[in-house]
Amino acid sequence: MSMTIDRIGPIDPIQPGKKPGQDSRIVRTEKSDSIDLSSEAVEKGELYQTIELVSTSSDVRMDRVAELKQKINDPSYLNDAIITATADKILDVFGF
């Protein structure tokens, strides 16, 4: 006794897994990627940008650097007015 099994439907070798009667239209949805950064990561990024800006700057005057180091080491130099003015200049450079 022999048994014959008939195929249920045609098999399309080009589109495996496609079921008969299935819509072949591709529907695309608009998706966007996003990323959230911690405040620590943002601060480190800003610090990295500052270091890169300073290291690529060609206008480093060693005499001025030495003068500023001497002023910073003087305890009477650092006061609220100097700190505020310096912070304002830094913020101006970064556009805040």
PDB file of N, CA and C in Angstrom:
ATOM      1  N   MET A   1       0.835  -1.147   0.000  1.00  0.00           N
ATOM      2  CA  MET A   1       0.000   0.000   0.000  1.00  0.00           C
ATOM      3  C   MET A   1       0.895   1.230   0.000  1.00  0.00           C
ATOM      4  N   SER A   2       0.614   2.185  -0.872  1.00  0.00           N
ATOM      5  CA  SER A   2       1.403   3.421  -0.921  1.00  0.00           C
ATOM      6  C   SER A   2       0.499   4.607  -0.623  1.00  0.00           C
ATOM      7  N   MET A   3       1.106   5.622  -0.049  1.00  0.00           N
ATOM      8  CA  MET A   3       0.334   6.790   0.350  1.00  0.00           C
ATOM      9  C   MET A   3       0.897   8.008  -0.381  1.00  0.00           C
ATOM     10  N   THR A   4       0.047   8.850  -0.909  1.00  0.00           N
ATOM     11  CA  THR A   4       0.448  10.057  -1.608  1.00  0.00           C
ATOM     12  C   THR A   4      -0.010  11.262  -0.794  1.00  0.00           C
ATOM     13  N   ILE A   5       0.923  12.183  -0.599  1.00  0.00           N
ATOM     14  CA  ILE A   5       0.582  13.397   0.146  1.00  0.00           C
ATOM     15  C   ILE A   5       0.590  14.550  -0.840  1.00  0.00           C
ATOM     16  N   ASP A   6      -0.541  15.193  -0.958  1.00  0.00           N
ATOM     17  CA  ASP A   6      -0.658  16.359  -1.841  1.00  0.00           C
ATOM     18  C   ASP A   6      -0.242  17.617  -1.082  1.00  0.00           C
ATOM     19  N   ARG A   7       0.361  18.554  -1.816  1.00  0.00           N
ATOM     20  CA  ARG A   7       0.731  19.829  -1.209  1.00  0.00           C
ATOM     21  C   ARG A   7      -0.524  20.648  -0.927  1.00  0.00           C
ATOM     22  N   ILE A   8      -0.466  21.407   0.157  1.00  0.00           N
ATOM     23  CA  ILE A   8      -1.616  22.224   0.525  1.00  0.00           C
ATOM     24  C   ILE A   8      -1.705  23.440  -0.385  1.00  0.00           C
ATOM     25  N   GLY A   9      -0.605  24.059  -0.692  1.00  0.00           N
ATOM     26  CA  GLY A   9      -0.600  25.242  -1.547  1.00  0.00           C
ATOM     27  C   GLY A   9       0.749  25.369  -2.217  1.00  0.00           C
ATOM     28  N   PRO A  10       0.858  26.288  -3.156  1.00  0.00           N
ATOM     29  CA  PRO A  10       2.135  26.456  -3.851  1.00  0.00           C
ATOM     30  C   PRO A  10       3.192  27.028  -2.915  1.00  0.00           C
ATOM     31  N   ILE A  11       4.414  26.629  -3.134  1.00  0.00           N
ATOM     32  CA  ILE A  11       5.539  27.149  -2.367  1.00  0.00           C
ATOM     33  C   ILE A  11       6.324  28.087  -3.273  1.00  0.00           C
ATOM     34  N   ASP A  12       6.502  29.312  -2.791  1.00  0.00           N
ATOM     35  CA  ASP A  12       7.220  30.330  -3.552  1.00  0.00           C
ATOM     36  C   ASP A  12       8.655  30.383  -3.029  1.00  0.00           C
ATOM     37  N   PRO A  13       9.653  29.896  -3.796  1.00  0.00           N
ATOM     38  CA  PRO A  13      11.025  29.847  -3.287  1.00  0.00           C
ATOM     39  C   PRO A  13      11.662  31.233  -3.102  1.00  0.00           C
ATOM     40  N   ILE A  14      11.121  32.247  -3.740  1.00  0.00           N
ATOM     41  CA  ILE A  14      11.702  33.579  -3.635  1.00  0.00           C
ATOM     42  C   ILE A  14      11.319  34.246  -2.315  1.00  0.00           C
ATOM     43  N   GLN A  15      10.116  33.972  -1.830  1.00  0.00           N
ATOM     44  CA  GLN A  15       9.653  34.592  -0.601  1.00  0.00           C
ATOM     45  C   GLN A  15       9.309  33.517   0.424  1.00  0.00           C
ATOM     46  N   PRO A  16      10.318  32.944   1.039  1.00  0.00           N
ATOM     47  CA  PRO A  16      10.035  31.891   2.012  1.00  0.00           C
ATOM     48  C   PRO A  16       9.269  32.428   3.205  1.00  0.00           C
ATOM     49  N   GLY A  17       8.355  31.626   3.680  1.00  0.00           N
ATOM     50  CA  GLY A  17       7.596  31.999   4.847  1.00  0.00           C
ATOM     51  C   GLY A  17       6.371  32.837   4.557  1.00  0.00           C
ATOM     52  N   LYS A  18       6.170  33.250   3.335  1.00  0.00           N
ATOM     53  CA  LYS A  18       5.005  34.055   2.990  1.00  0.00           C
ATOM     54  C   LYS A  18       3.796  33.141   2.887  1.00  0.00           C
ATOM     55  N   LYS A  19       2.772  33.520   3.593  1.00  0.00           N
ATOM     56  CA  LYS A  19       1.555  32.728   3.573  1.00  0.00           C
ATOM     57  C   LYS A  19       0.664  33.191   2.437  1.00  0.00           C
ATOM     58  N   PRO A  20      -0.048  32.274   1.810  1.00  0.00           N
ATOM     59  CA  PRO A  20      -0.957  32.665   0.724  1.00  0.00           C
ATOM     60  C   PRO A  20      -2.006  33.645   1.240  1.00  0.00           C
ATOM     61  N   GLY A  21      -2.267  34.656   0.438  1.00  0.00           N
ATOM     62  CA  GLY A  21      -3.263  35.642   0.791  1.00  0.00           C
ATOM     63  C   GLY A  21      -2.738  36.744   1.700  1.00  0.00           C
ATOM     64  N   GLN A  22      -1.482  36.699   2.059  1.00  0.00           N
ATOM     65  CA  GLN A  22      -0.907  37.708   2.947  1.00  0.00           C
ATOM     66  C   GLN A  22      -0.565  38.948   2.131  1.00  0.00           C
ATOM     67  N   ASP A  23      -0.831  40.108   2.690  1.00  0.00           N
ATOM     68  CA  ASP A  23      -0.529  41.373   2.017  1.00  0.00           C
ATOM     69  C   ASP A  23       0.982  41.557   1.963  1.00  0.00           C
ATOM     70  N   SER A  24       1.540  41.833   0.791  1.00  0.00           N
ATOM     71  CA  SER A  24       2.988  41.969   0.649  1.00  0.00           C
ATOM     72  C   SER A  24       3.447  43.421   0.768  1.00  0.00           C
ATOM     73  N   ARG A  25       2.549  44.319   1.099  1.00  0.00           N
ATOM     74  CA  ARG A  25       2.887  45.734   1.224  1.00  0.00           C
ATOM     75  C   ARG A  25       3.732  45.951   2.487  1.00  0.00           C
ATOM     76  N   ILE A  26       4.771  46.760   2.378  1.00  0.00           N
ATOM     77  CA  ILE A  26       5.645  47.062   3.504  1.00  0.00           C
ATOM     78  C   ILE A  26       5.158  48.359   4.134  1.00  0.00           C
ATOM     79  N   VAL A  27       4.934  48.320   5.411  1.00  0.00           N
ATOM     80  CA  VAL A  27       4.497  49.504   6.128  1.00  0.00           C
ATOM     81  C   VAL A  27       5.671  49.984   6.973  1.00  0.00           C
ATOM     82  N   ARG A  28       6.076  51.202   6.737  1.00  0.00           N
ATOM     83  CA  ARG A  28       7.193  51.771   7.494  1.00  0.00           C
ATOM     84  C   ARG A  28       6.652  52.783   8.484  1.00  0.00           C
ATOM     85  N   THR A  29       7.140  52.693   9.668  1.00  0.00           N
ATOM     86  CA  THR A  29       6.766  53.656  10.688  1.00  0.00           C
ATOM     87  C   THR A  29       7.968  54.521  10.992  1.00  0.00           C
ATOM     88  N   GLU A  30       7.711  55.765  11.292  1.00  0.00           N
ATOM     89  CA  GLU A  30       8.787  56.702  11.584  1.00  0.00           C
ATOM     90  C   GLU A  30       9.196  56.530  13.046  1.00  0.00           C
ATOM     91  N   LYS A  31      10.420  56.121  13.272  1.00  0.00           N
ATOM     92  CA  LYS A  31      10.944  55.958  14.612  1.00  0.00           C
ATOM     93  C   LYS A  31      12.210  56.789  14.722  1.00  0.00           C
ATOM     94  N   SER A  32      12.442  57.282  15.899  1.00  0.00           N
ATOM     95  CA  SER A  32      13.677  58.025  16.099  1.00  0.00           C
ATOM     96  C   SER A  32      14.392  57.467  17.316  1.00  0.00           C
ATOM     97  N   ASP A  33      15.698  57.533  17.263  1.00  0.00           N
ATOM     98  CA  ASP A  33      16.513  57.082  18.381  1.00  0.00           C
ATOM     99  C   ASP A  33      16.716  58.258  19.332  1.00  0.00           C
ATOM    100  N   SER A  34      16.872  57.948  20.574  1.00  0.00           N
ATOM    101  CA  SER A  34      17.159  59.000  21.544  1.00  0.00           C
ATOM    102  C   SER A  34      18.133  58.461  22.581  1.00  0.00           C
ATOM    103  N   ILE A  35      18.763  59.395  23.253  1.00  0.00           N
ATOM    104  CA  ILE A  35      19.727  59.022  24.273  1.00  0.00           C
ATOM    105  C   ILE A  35      19.587  60.011  25.425  1.00  0.00           C
ATOM    106  N   ASP A  36      19.672  59.522  26.631  1.00  0.00           N
ATOM    107  CA  ASP A  36      19.634  60.365  27.815  1.00  0.00           C
ATOM    108  C   ASP A  36      20.993  60.301  28.494  1.00  0.00           C
ATOM    109  N   LEU A  37      21.531  61.481  28.830  1.00  0.00           N
ATOM    110  CA  LEU A  37      22.833  61.547  29.478  1.00  0.00           C
ATOM    111  C   LEU A  37      22.667  61.997  30.920  1.00  0.00           C
ATOM    112  N   SER A  38      23.442  61.419  31.789  1.00  0.00           N
ATOM    113  CA  SER A  38      23.425  61.847  33.186  1.00  0.00           C
ATOM    114  C   SER A  38      24.102  63.205  33.290  1.00  0.00           C
ATOM    115  N   SER A  39      23.841  63.898  34.376  1.00  0.00           N
ATOM    116  CA  SER A  39      24.477  65.205  34.565  1.00  0.00           C
ATOM    117  C   SER A  39      25.997  65.052  34.676  1.00  0.00           C
ATOM    118  N   GLU A  40      26.437  63.928  35.240  1.00  0.00           N
ATOM    119  CA  GLU A  40      27.872  63.675  35.339  1.00  0.00           C
ATOM    120  C   GLU A  40      28.492  63.515  33.947  1.00  0.00           C
ATOM    121  N   ALA A  41      27.794  62.824  33.049  1.00  0.00           N
ATOM    122  CA  ALA A  41      28.302  62.643  31.686  1.00  0.00           C
ATOM    123  C   ALA A  41      28.352  63.975  30.951  1.00  0.00           C
ATOM    124  N   VAL A  42      27.352  64.828  31.160  1.00  0.00           N
ATOM    125  CA  VAL A  42      27.337  66.144  30.512  1.00  0.00           C
ATOM    126  C   VAL A  42      28.512  66.985  31.020  1.00  0.00           C
ATOM    127  N   GLU A  43      28.741  66.958  32.334  1.00  0.00           N
ATOM    128  CA  GLU A  43      29.863  67.720  32.901  1.00  0.00           C
ATOM    129  C   GLU A  43      31.202  67.227  32.362  1.00  0.00           C
ATOM    130  N   LYS A  44      31.352  65.901  32.274  1.00  0.00           N
ATOM    131  CA  LYS A  44      32.609  65.361  31.744  1.00  0.00           C
ATOM    132  C   LYS A  44      32.781  65.723  30.272  1.00  0.00           C
ATOM    133  N   GLY A  45      31.691  65.745  29.526  1.00  0.00           N
ATOM    134  CA  GLY A  45      31.750  66.142  28.124  1.00  0.00           C
ATOM    135  C   GLY A  45      32.172  67.592  27.974  1.00  0.00           C
ATOM    136  N   GLU A  46      31.620  68.454  28.828  1.00  0.00           N
ATOM    137  CA  GLU A  46      32.002  69.867  28.787  1.00  0.00           C
ATOM    138  C   GLU A  46      33.465  70.052  29.178  1.00  0.00           C
ATOM    139  N   LEU A  47      33.903  69.291  30.173  1.00  0.00           N
ATOM    140  CA  LEU A  47      35.308  69.355  30.581  1.00  0.00           C
ATOM    141  C   LEU A  47      36.216  68.896  29.439  1.00  0.00           C
ATOM    142  N   TYR A  48      35.826  67.818  28.761  1.00  0.00           N
ATOM    143  CA  TYR A  48      36.605  67.320  27.624  1.00  0.00           C
ATOM    144  C   TYR A  48      36.681  68.378  26.528  1.00  0.00           C
ATOM    145  N   GLN A  49      35.547  69.044  26.243  1.00  0.00           N
ATOM    146  CA  GLN A  49      35.538  70.101  25.222  1.00  0.00           C
ATOM    147  C   GLN A  49      36.486  71.231  25.612  1.00  0.00           C
ATOM    148  N   THR A  50      36.470  71.600  26.882  1.00  0.00           N
ATOM    149  CA  THR A  50      37.343  72.676  27.353  1.00  0.00           C
ATOM    150  C   THR A  50      38.808  72.298  27.207  1.00  0.00           C
ATOM    151  N   ILE A  51      39.138  71.081  27.584  1.00  0.00           N
ATOM    152  CA  ILE A  51      40.520  70.617  27.462  1.00  0.00           C
ATOM    153  C   ILE A  51      40.949  70.609  26.000  1.00  0.00           C
ATOM    154  N   GLU A  52      40.076  70.136  25.119  1.00  0.00           N
ATOM    155  CA  GLU A  52      40.396  70.131  23.687  1.00  0.00           C
ATOM    156  C   GLU A  52      40.582  71.546  23.158  1.00  0.00           C
ATOM    157  N   LEU A  53      39.729  72.464  23.585  1.00  0.00           N
ATOM    158  CA  LEU A  53      39.826  73.853  23.140  1.00  0.00           C
ATOM    159  C   LEU A  53      41.149  74.472  23.577  1.00  0.00           C
ATOM    160  N   VAL A  54      41.503  74.232  24.816  1.00  0.00           N
ATOM    161  CA  VAL A  54      42.755  74.795  25.342  1.00  0.00           C
ATOM    162  C   VAL A  54      43.963  74.147  24.672  1.00  0.00           C
ATOM    163  N   SER A  55      43.915  72.834  24.479  1.00  0.00           N
ATOM    164  CA  SER A  55      45.083  72.157  23.903  1.00  0.00           C
ATOM    165  C   SER A  55      45.292  72.478  22.436  1.00  0.00           C
ATOM    166  N   THR A  56      44.242  72.854  21.727  1.00  0.00           N
ATOM    167  CA  THR A  56      44.398  73.200  20.317  1.00  0.00           C
ATOM    168  C   THR A  56      44.642  74.688  20.104  1.00  0.00           C
ATOM    169  N   SER A  57      44.570  75.454  21.170  1.00  0.00           N
ATOM    170  CA  SER A  57      44.788  76.887  21.066  1.00  0.00           C
ATOM    171  C   SER A  57      46.270  77.168  20.877  1.00  0.00           C
ATOM    172  N   SER A  58      46.571  78.017  19.921  1.00  0.00           N
ATOM    173  CA  SER A  58      47.977  78.345  19.650  1.00  0.00           C
ATOM    174  C   SER A  58      48.395  79.632  20.344  1.00  0.00           C
ATOM    175  N   ASP A  59      47.477  80.274  21.059  1.00  0.00           N
ATOM    176  CA  ASP A  59      47.753  81.565  21.674  1.00  0.00           C
ATOM    177  C   ASP A  59      48.037  81.416  23.169  1.00  0.00           C
ATOM    178  N   VAL A  60      48.961  80.532  23.526  1.00  0.00           N
ATOM    179  CA  VAL A  60      49.333  80.347  24.923  1.00  0.00           C
ATOM    180  C   VAL A  60      50.590  81.160  25.179  1.00  0.00           C
ATOM    181  N   ARG A  61      50.445  82.125  26.083  1.00  0.00           N
ATOM    182  CA  ARG A  61      51.582  82.974  26.433  1.00  0.00           C
ATOM    183  C   ARG A  61      52.097  82.539  27.792  1.00  0.00           C
ATOM    184  N   MET A  62      53.255  81.945  27.823  1.00  0.00           N
ATOM    185  CA  MET A  62      53.813  81.382  29.048  1.00  0.00           C
ATOM    186  C   MET A  62      54.061  82.458  30.109  1.00  0.00           C
ATOM    187  N   ASP A  63      54.402  83.686  29.697  1.00  0.00           N
ATOM    188  CA  ASP A  63      54.601  84.751  30.678  1.00  0.00           C
ATOM    189  C   ASP A  63      53.298  85.090  31.394  1.00  0.00           C
ATOM    190  N   ARG A  64      52.208  85.075  30.647  1.00  0.00           N
ATOM    191  CA  ARG A  64      50.885  85.361  31.237  1.00  0.00           C
ATOM    192  C   ARG A  64      50.450  84.207  32.152  1.00  0.00           C
ATOM    193  N   VAL A  65      50.746  82.985  31.750  1.00  0.00           N
ATOM    194  CA  VAL A  65      50.422  81.812  32.572  1.00  0.00           C
ATOM    195  C   VAL A  65      51.173  81.889  33.901  1.00  0.00           C
ATOM    196  N   ALA A  66      52.435  82.223  33.867  1.00  0.00           N
ATOM    197  CA  ALA A  66      53.231  82.341  35.090  1.00  0.00           C
ATOM    198  C   ALA A  66      52.673  83.446  35.993  1.00  0.00           C
ATOM    199  N   GLU A  67      52.292  84.574  35.395  1.00  0.00           N
ATOM    200  CA  GLU A  67      51.715  85.679  36.165  1.00  0.00           C
ATOM    201  C   GLU A  67      50.416  85.253  36.857  1.00  0.00           C
ATOM    202  N   LEU A  68      49.571  84.542  36.133  1.00  0.00           N
ATOM    203  CA  LEU A  68      48.300  84.090  36.712  1.00  0.00           C
ATOM    204  C   LEU A  68      48.513  83.049  37.802  1.00  0.00           C
ATOM    205  N   LYS A  69      49.492  82.158  37.619  1.00  0.00           N
ATOM    206  CA  LYS A  69      49.795  81.178  38.662  1.00  0.00           C
ATOM    207  C   LYS A  69      50.227  81.880  39.945  1.00  0.00           C
ATOM    208  N   GLN A  70      51.035  82.927  39.801  1.00  0.00           N
ATOM    209  CA  GLN A  70      51.496  83.682  40.969  1.00  0.00           C
ATOM    210  C   GLN A  70      50.314  84.356  41.662  1.00  0.00           C
ATOM    211  N   LYS A  71      49.393  84.939  40.894  1.00  0.00           N
ATOM    212  CA  LYS A  71      48.219  85.596  41.472  1.00  0.00           C
ATOM    213  C   LYS A  71      47.314  84.597  42.187  1.00  0.00           C
ATOM    214  N   ILE A  72      47.107  83.444  41.588  1.00  0.00           N
ATOM    215  CA  ILE A  72      46.223  82.433  42.182  1.00  0.00           C
ATOM    216  C   ILE A  72      46.797  81.920  43.495  1.00  0.00           C
ATOM    217  N   ASN A  73      48.115  81.804  43.588  1.00  0.00           N
ATOM    218  CA  ASN A  73      48.746  81.338  44.821  1.00  0.00           C
ATOM    219  C   ASN A  73      48.707  82.380  45.937  1.00  0.00           C
ATOM    220  N   ASP A  74      48.430  83.641  45.603  1.00  0.00           N
ATOM    221  CA  ASP A  74      48.324  84.701  46.603  1.00  0.00           C
ATOM    222  C   ASP A  74      46.924  84.655  47.220  1.00  0.00           C
ATOM    223  N   PRO A  75      46.802  84.356  48.521  1.00  0.00           N
ATOM    224  CA  PRO A  75      45.482  84.212  49.159  1.00  0.00           C
ATOM    225  C   PRO A  75      44.625  85.472  49.085  1.00  0.00           C
ATOM    226  N   SER A  76      45.230  86.637  49.018  1.00  0.00           N
ATOM    227  CA  SER A  76      44.433  87.869  48.975  1.00  0.00           C
ATOM    228  C   SER A  76      43.871  88.156  47.571  1.00  0.00           C
ATOM    229  N   TYR A  77      44.362  87.460  46.557  1.00  0.00           N
ATOM    230  CA  TYR A  77      43.902  87.717  45.182  1.00  0.00           C
ATOM    231  C   TYR A  77      42.500  87.158  44.942  1.00  0.00           C
ATOM    232  N   LEU A  78      42.258  85.940  45.386  1.00  0.00           N
ATOM    233  CA  LEU A  78      40.964  85.314  45.138  1.00  0.00           C
ATOM    234  C   LEU A  78      39.912  85.882  46.085  1.00  0.00           C
ATOM    235  N   ASN A  79      38.955  86.612  45.491  1.00  0.00           N
ATOM    236  CA  ASN A  79      37.824  87.106  46.256  1.00  0.00           C
ATOM    237  C   ASN A  79      36.566  86.903  45.414  1.00  0.00           C
ATOM    238  N   ASP A  80      35.425  87.240  45.975  1.00  0.00           N
ATOM    239  CA  ASP A  80      34.162  86.990  45.270  1.00  0.00           C
ATOM    240  C   ASP A  80      34.081  87.737  43.935  1.00  0.00           C
ATOM    241  N   ALA A  81      34.605  88.943  43.869  1.00  0.00           N
ATOM    242  CA  ALA A  81      34.548  89.720  42.623  1.00  0.00           C
ATOM    243  C   ALA A  81      35.360  89.046  41.519  1.00  0.00           C
ATOM    244  N   ILE A  82      36.548  88.572  41.848  1.00  0.00           N
ATOM    245  CA  ILE A  82      37.409  87.906  40.867  1.00  0.00           C
ATOM    246  C   ILE A  82      36.768  86.592  40.403  1.00  0.00           C
ATOM    247  N   ILE A  83      36.247  85.823  41.355  1.00  0.00           N
ATOM    248  CA  ILE A  83      35.623  84.532  41.018  1.00  0.00           C
ATOM    249  C   ILE A  83      34.398  84.739  40.132  1.00  0.00           C
ATOM    250  N   THR A  84      33.560  85.729  40.452  1.00  0.00           N
ATOM    251  CA  THR A  84      32.370  86.022  39.654  1.00  0.00           C
ATOM    252  C   THR A  84      32.755  86.486  38.248  1.00  0.00           C
ATOM    253  N   ALA A  85      33.726  87.359  38.141  1.00  0.00           N
ATOM    254  CA  ALA A  85      34.161  87.860  36.835  1.00  0.00           C
ATOM    255  C   ALA A  85      34.724  86.725  35.980  1.00  0.00           C
ATOM    256  N   THR A  86      35.502  85.848  36.598  1.00  0.00           N
ATOM    257  CA  THR A  86      36.075  84.710  35.870  1.00  0.00           C
ATOM    258  C   THR A  86      34.979  83.763  35.400  1.00  0.00           C
ATOM    259  N   ALA A  87      34.023  83.469  36.275  1.00  0.00           N
ATOM    260  CA  ALA A  87      32.907  82.584  35.901  1.00  0.00           C
ATOM    261  C   ALA A  87      32.100  83.195  34.764  1.00  0.00           C
ATOM    262  N   ASP A  88      31.853  84.506  34.812  1.00  0.00           N
ATOM    263  CA  ASP A  88      31.117  85.173  33.728  1.00  0.00           C
ATOM    264  C   ASP A  88      31.851  85.075  32.395  1.00  0.00           C
ATOM    265  N   LYS A  89      33.160  85.230  32.418  1.00  0.00           N
ATOM    266  CA  LYS A  89      33.945  85.140  31.182  1.00  0.00           C
ATOM    267  C   LYS A  89      33.899  83.727  30.613  1.00  0.00           C
ATOM    268  N   ILE A  90      33.984  82.729  31.493  1.00  0.00           N
ATOM    269  CA  ILE A  90      33.909  81.334  31.037  1.00  0.00           C
ATOM    270  C   ILE A  90      32.553  81.061  30.401  1.00  0.00           C
ATOM    271  N   LEU A  91      31.487  81.533  31.037  1.00  0.00           N
ATOM    272  CA  LEU A  91      30.138  81.319  30.486  1.00  0.00           C
ATOM    273  C   LEU A  91      29.960  82.042  29.162  1.00  0.00           C
ATOM    274  N   ASP A  92      30.553  83.232  29.025  1.00  0.00           N
ATOM    275  CA  ASP A  92      30.478  83.949  27.754  1.00  0.00           C
ATOM    276  C   ASP A  92      31.142  83.176  26.624  1.00  0.00           C
ATOM    277  N   VAL A  93      32.268  82.530  26.916  1.00  0.00           N
ATOM    278  CA  VAL A  93      32.986  81.761  25.901  1.00  0.00           C
ATOM    279  C   VAL A  93      32.108  80.621  25.380  1.00  0.00           C
ATOM    280  N   PHE A  94      31.356  79.992  26.288  1.00  0.00           N
ATOM    281  CA  PHE A  94      30.516  78.857  25.902  1.00  0.00           C
ATOM    282  C   PHE A  94      29.116  79.283  25.474  1.00  0.00           C
ATOM    283  N   GLY A  95      28.834  80.580  25.475  1.00  0.00           N
ATOM    284  CA  GLY A  95      27.565  81.070  24.965  1.00  0.00           C
ATOM    285  C   GLY A  95      26.393  80.913  25.906  1.00  0.00           C
ATOM    286  N   PHE A  96      26.646  80.886  27.194  1.00  0.00           N
ATOM    287  CA  PHE A  96      25.546  80.769  28.161  1.00  0.00           C
ATOM    288  C   PHE A  96      25.118  82.127  28.646  1.00  0.00           C
TER     289      PHE A  96
END
